[in-house]
C-alpha atoms as a PDB file:
ATOM      1  CA  MET A   1     -33.722  57.049  90.686  1.00  0.00           C
ATOM      2  CA  SER A   2     -37.227  56.720  90.073  1.00  0.00           C
ATOM      3  CA  ARG A   3     -39.847  56.709  91.700  1.00  0.00           C
ATOM      4  CA  TYR A   4     -41.637  54.469  89.394  1.00  0.00           C
ATOM      5  CA  ILE A   5     -39.120  51.454  88.998  1.00  0.00           C
ATOM      6  CA  THR A   6     -41.136  48.448  88.361  1.00  0.00           C
ATOM      7  CA  ARG A   7     -39.876  45.429  91.292  1.00  0.00           C
ATOM      8  CA  GLY A   8     -40.475  41.669  90.661  1.00  0.00           C
ATOM      9  CA  MET A   9     -40.795  42.320  87.373  1.00  0.00           C
ATOM     10  CA  ASN A  10     -38.932  40.986  84.247  1.00  0.00           C
ATOM     11  CA  THR A  11     -38.606  44.632  82.194  1.00  0.00           C
ATOM     12  CA  SER A  12     -36.341  47.536  83.612  1.00  0.00           C
ATOM     13  CA  TYR A  13     -37.592  51.458  83.910  1.00  0.00           C
ATOM     14  CA  ASN A  14     -36.714  53.766  81.968  1.00  0.00           C
ATOM     15  CA  GLU A  15     -37.797  57.181  80.634  1.00  0.00           C
ATOM     16  CA  ARG A  16     -39.456  56.009  76.699  1.00  0.00           C
ATOM     17  CA  ASP A  17     -40.801  53.137  78.519  1.00  0.00           C
ATOM     18  CA  GLY A  18     -42.095  54.270  82.169  1.00  0.00           C
ATOM     19  CA  GLY A  19     -43.049  52.359  84.626  1.00  0.00           C
ATOM     20  CA  PRO A  20     -46.917  50.324  84.923  1.00  0.00           C
ATOM     21  CA  GLY A  21     -49.156  52.188  82.988  1.00  0.00           C
ATOM     22  CA  GLY A  22     -46.809  54.203  81.314  1.00  0.00           C
ATOM     23  CA  LYS A  23     -46.109  56.548  84.585  1.00  0.00           C
ATOM     24  CA  VAL A  24     -42.919  58.453  84.002  1.00  0.00           C
ATOM     25  CA  GLY A  25     -41.104  60.514  87.071  1.00  0.00           C
ATOM     26  CA  LYS A  26     -42.608  64.087  87.511  1.00  0.00           C
ATOM     27  CA  ASP A  27     -39.595  65.690  85.724  1.00  0.00           C
ATOM     28  CA  GLN A  28     -38.735  63.215  82.676  1.00  0.00           C
ATOM     29  CA  PHE A  29     -40.659  64.306  78.917  1.00  0.00           C
ATOM     30  CA  SER A  30     -44.096  62.953  78.714  1.00  0.00           C
ATOM     31  CA  ILE A  31     -46.893  63.135  76.249  1.00  0.00           C
ATOM     32  CA  ASP A  32     -49.764  64.058  77.872  1.00  0.00           C
ATOM     33  CA  GLY A  33     -48.298  62.743  81.195  1.00  0.00           C
ATOM     34  CA  LYS A  34     -47.620  58.985  80.024  1.00  0.00           C
ATOM     35  CA  SER A  35     -44.433  57.994  78.889  1.00  0.00           C
ATOM     36  CA  TRP A  36     -43.328  57.945  74.875  1.00  0.00           C
ATOM     37  CA  ASN A  37     -44.299  54.642  73.912  1.00  0.00           C
ATOM     38  CA  TYR A  38     -47.533  54.718  76.262  1.00  0.00           C
ATOM     39  CA  ARG A  39     -49.280  56.886  73.592  1.00  0.00           C
ATOM     40  CA  ASP A  40     -47.247  55.530  69.945  1.00  0.00           C
ATOM     41  CA  PRO A  41     -50.222  55.180  67.976  1.00  0.00           C
ATOM     42  CA  ARG A  42     -48.153  52.480  66.617  1.00  0.00           C
ATOM     43  CA  ASN A  43     -47.095  50.112  69.784  1.00  0.00           C
ATOM     44  CA  GLN A  44     -48.137  47.247  68.158  1.00  0.00           C
ATOM     45  CA  LYS A  45     -47.760  45.290  71.807  1.00  0.00           C
ATOM     46  CA  SER A  46     -50.390  47.578  72.664  1.00  0.00           C
ATOM     47  CA  ILE A  47     -52.788  47.187  69.871  1.00  0.00           C
ATOM     48  CA  ASP A  48     -52.029  42.966  70.239  1.00  0.00           C
ATOM     49  CA  ARG A  49     -52.720  43.563  74.022  1.00  0.00           C
ATOM     50  CA  TYR A  50     -56.210  44.878  73.326  1.00  0.00           C
ATOM     51  CA  ASN A  51     -56.742  42.976  70.703  1.00  0.00           C
ATOM     52  CA  ASP A  52     -56.959  39.754  72.664  1.00  0.00           C
ATOM     53  CA  GLY A  53     -59.444  37.945  72.752  1.00  0.00           C
ATOM     54  CA  ARG A  54     -62.190  40.925  70.597  1.00  0.00           C
ATOM     55  CA  ARG A  55     -63.664  39.893  67.208  1.00  0.00           C
ATOM     56  CA  MET A  56     -63.239  43.815  66.389  1.00  0.00           C
ATOM     57  CA  HIS A  57     -59.506  44.505  66.046  1.00  0.00           C
ATOM     58  CA  THR A  58     -57.728  47.934  66.113  1.00  0.00           C
ATOM     59  CA  THR A  59     -55.321  48.694  64.149  1.00  0.00           C
ATOM     60  CA  VAL A  60     -54.164  51.992  66.477  1.00  0.00           C
ATOM     61  CA  ASN A  61     -53.329  52.406  70.142  1.00  0.00           C
ATOM     62  CA  PRO A  62     -55.781  52.643  72.276  1.00  0.00           C
ATOM     63  CA  GLN A  63     -53.592  54.274  74.373  1.00  0.00           C
ATOM     64  CA  SER A  64     -52.682  57.043  72.007  1.00  0.00           C
ATOM     65  CA  LYS A  65     -54.400  60.041  71.333  1.00  0.00           C
ATOM     66  CA  GLU A  66     -54.672  62.165  68.023  1.00  0.00           C
ATOM     67  CA  ARG A  67     -53.569  65.648  68.427  1.00  0.00           C
ATOM     68  CA  PHE A  68     -50.075  64.366  69.471  1.00  0.00           C
ATOM     69  CA  ASP A  69     -49.891  61.202  66.600  1.00  0.00           C
ATOM     70  CA  GLY A  70     -47.718  63.824  64.507  1.00  0.00           C
ATOM     71  CA  LEU A  71     -45.323  64.106  67.052  1.00  0.00           C
ATOM     72  CA  TYR A  72     -44.321  60.579  65.963  1.00  0.00           C
ATOM     73  CA  ASP A  73     -43.203  61.524  63.377  1.00  0.00           C
ATOM     74  CA  TYR A  74     -39.993  62.041  64.849  1.00  0.00           C
ATOM     75  CA  ASP A  75     -37.866  60.206  66.999  1.00  0.00           C
ATOM     76  CA  PHE A  76     -37.602  60.441  70.579  1.00  0.00           C
ATOM     77  CA  GLY A  77     -34.580  62.232  71.658  1.00  0.00           C
ATOM     78  CA  THR A  78     -35.985  65.054  68.819  1.00  0.00           C
ATOM     79  CA  VAL A  79     -38.810  65.266  70.377  1.00  0.00           C
ATOM     80  CA  ARG A  80     -37.589  65.142  74.082  1.00  0.00           C
ATOM     81  CA  ASP A  81     -35.223  67.425  73.414  1.00  0.00           C
ATOM     82  CA  ALA A  82     -37.534  69.958  71.866  1.00  0.00           C
ATOM     83  CA  ALA A  83     -39.143  69.919  75.199  1.00  0.00           C
ATOM     84  CA  LYS A  84     -36.798  70.620  77.075  1.00  0.00           C
ATOM     85  CA  HIS A  85     -35.810  73.861  75.009  1.00  0.00           C
ATOM     86  CA  LEU A  86     -38.994  75.354  74.564  1.00  0.00           C
ATOM     87  CA  ALA A  87     -39.838  74.685  78.623  1.00  0.00           C
ATOM     88  CA  SER A  88     -36.225  76.197  79.232  1.00  0.00           C
ATOM     89  CA  ALA A  89     -37.353  79.267  76.935  1.00  0.00           C
ATOM     90  CA  THR A  90     -40.323  80.442  78.730  1.00  0.00           C
END
């Protein structure tokens, strides 16, 4: 079990979403230290949260990083498995 399980919240922890602030466990797949959904440039929940109360709206998740955006052309499982394979090959 991960140490980032949220308690007292109506959300459960999983590797794809991570915990509060996109945190994931030490040995879990991450994108620059954060969960898959936290860095997803098309994460509508993060986009809406960022745009709430602002005049100028963004259409890209502000937590995403352009250098990782190409990974999101593939599904979570494919990228996670490729990363595990690369890590074991080194």
